[in-house]
Amino acid sequence: MDSNHSLPIVAQCYPAEVELQAGKTYAWCTCGLSSKQPFCDGQHKQLWYEENGETVMTYKSLKYTPEKDETVWLCQCKHTKNPPFCDGSHKQPEVVAKFEQQGEE
């Protein structure tokens, strides 16, 4: 991706069912570039830029530590209003259109 304006990437238009362990910290991908969806693999680090002599990182992983063992649905469209959990945003026409457009690039 050559522009932060096209981010986040819609990794998938469906959530990932994941079993999480209590007390273990997970890093959820916010940019959509990770090859380990829905988790972060550090790809967001390639998106830095400088502004007024300062390094700006628009994206970073979102850390989550569950209090109990649980099965959850994690967002892969990266447009949820309840990160890292799926809220159904992947069904929105604009998210689906973005996903389809990405496939054409």
Protein backbone atom coordinates (compact mmCIF):
# COMPACT_ATOMS: atom_id res chain seq x y z
CA MET A 1 0.00 0.00 0.00
CA ASP A 2 1.33 3.37 -0.91
CA SER A 3 -1.08 5.52 1.07
CA ASN A 4 -2.41 5.53 4.61
CA HIS A 5 -5.70 6.80 3.15
CA SER A 6 -6.54 3.34 1.79
CA LEU A 7 -5.97 1.76 5.18
CA PRO A 8 -6.95 -0.18 7.08
CA ILE A 9 -6.96 -3.07 4.64
CA VAL A 10 -10.06 -5.26 4.87
CA ALA A 11 -8.31 -8.58 5.52
CA GLN A 12 -11.56 -10.58 5.31
CA CYS A 13 -15.29 -9.88 5.29
CA TYR A 14 -15.95 -12.31 8.10
CA PRO A 15 -14.69 -12.65 11.69
CA ALA A 16 -12.17 -15.19 12.98
CA GLU A 17 -13.32 -17.60 15.68
CA VAL A 18 -10.42 -17.80 18.13
CA GLU A 19 -9.89 -19.63 21.43
CA LEU A 20 -8.02 -17.35 23.83
CA GLN A 21 -6.24 -18.32 27.03
CA ALA A 22 -6.72 -16.43 30.28
CA GLY A 23 -3.79 -14.17 31.17
CA LYS A 24 -2.11 -14.44 27.77
CA THR A 25 -1.68 -11.15 25.89
CA TYR A 26 -2.70 -11.11 22.24
CA ALA A 27 -1.83 -8.44 19.68
CA TRP A 28 -4.72 -7.76 17.28
CA CYS A 29 -3.84 -6.32 13.87
CA THR A 30 -5.35 -2.86 13.25
CA CYS A 31 -3.94 -2.13 9.77
CA GLY A 32 -5.05 -5.29 7.94
CA LEU A 33 -1.61 -5.99 6.48
CA SER A 34 -0.63 -8.88 8.78
CA SER A 35 -0.23 -12.32 7.24
CA LYS A 36 -1.26 -13.81 10.61
CA GLN A 37 -4.80 -12.43 10.73
CA PRO A 38 -6.46 -11.52 12.97
CA PHE A 39 -3.22 -11.09 14.89
CA CYS A 40 -0.39 -8.63 14.30
CA ASP A 41 2.89 -9.63 12.68
CA GLY A 42 4.46 -6.15 12.72
CA GLN A 43 3.62 -5.16 9.13
CA HIS A 44 2.26 -1.81 10.40
CA LYS A 45 5.85 -0.73 11.07
CA GLN A 46 6.36 -0.19 7.34
CA LEU A 47 3.74 2.58 7.41
CA TRP A 48 5.70 5.16 9.43
CA TYR A 49 6.33 8.65 8.11
CA GLU A 50 7.94 11.83 9.38
CA GLU A 51 6.10 15.01 10.16
CA ASN A 52 7.83 18.08 11.58
CA GLY A 53 10.89 15.93 12.38
CA GLU A 54 8.81 13.44 14.36
CA THR A 55 8.23 9.80 13.45
CA VAL A 56 4.50 9.08 13.16
CA MET A 57 3.11 5.55 13.44
CA THR A 58 -0.53 5.68 12.36
CA TYR A 59 -1.14 2.02 13.18
CA LYS A 60 -0.01 -0.26 15.97
CA SER A 61 -1.29 -3.52 17.36
CA LEU A 62 -4.07 -3.53 19.92
CA LYS A 63 -3.15 -5.59 22.97
CA TYR A 64 -5.82 -7.72 24.63
CA THR A 65 -5.50 -9.99 27.68
CA PRO A 66 -8.59 -12.07 28.51
CA GLU A 67 -9.43 -12.69 32.16
CA LYS A 68 -10.74 -16.19 31.42
CA ASP A 69 -10.36 -18.84 28.73
CA GLU A 70 -12.85 -17.91 26.06
CA THR A 71 -13.86 -18.39 22.46
CA VAL A 72 -14.38 -15.06 20.71
CA TRP A 73 -15.02 -13.69 17.24
CA LEU A 74 -12.24 -11.26 16.30
CA CYS A 75 -12.72 -8.66 13.59
CA GLN A 76 -10.83 -9.13 10.34
CA CYS A 77 -12.39 -6.25 8.39
CA LYS A 78 -10.70 -3.75 10.75
CA HIS A 79 -13.76 -1.48 10.77
CA THR A 80 -15.35 -2.68 14.03
CA LYS A 81 -16.45 -0.09 16.56
CA ASN A 82 -15.63 -2.59 19.34
CA PRO A 83 -12.03 -3.68 18.65
CA PRO A 84 -10.77 -6.36 18.63
CA PHE A 85 -14.22 -7.97 18.54
CA CYS A 86 -16.47 -8.31 15.52
CA ASP A 87 -19.53 -6.06 15.56
CA GLY A 88 -20.82 -6.98 12.11
CA SER A 89 -19.19 -4.04 10.32
CA HIS A 90 -17.94 -6.47 7.65
CA LYS A 91 -21.53 -6.61 6.36
CA GLN A 92 -21.67 -2.87 5.64
CA PRO A 93 -21.82 -2.12 1.88
CA GLU A 94 -18.87 0.27 2.04
CA VAL A 95 -16.67 -2.35 3.76
CA VAL A 96 -17.65 -5.06 1.26
CA ALA A 97 -16.98 -2.65 -1.63
CA LYS A 98 -13.56 -1.78 -0.21
CA PHE A 99 -12.70 -5.49 0.12
CA GLU A 100 -13.77 -6.16 -3.46
CA GLN A 101 -11.83 -3.15 -4.75
CA GLN A 102 -8.67 -4.35 -2.98
CA GLY A 103 -8.90 -7.62 -4.89
CA GLU A 104 -8.85 -5.71 -8.17
CA GLU A 105 -5.66 -3.78 -7.35
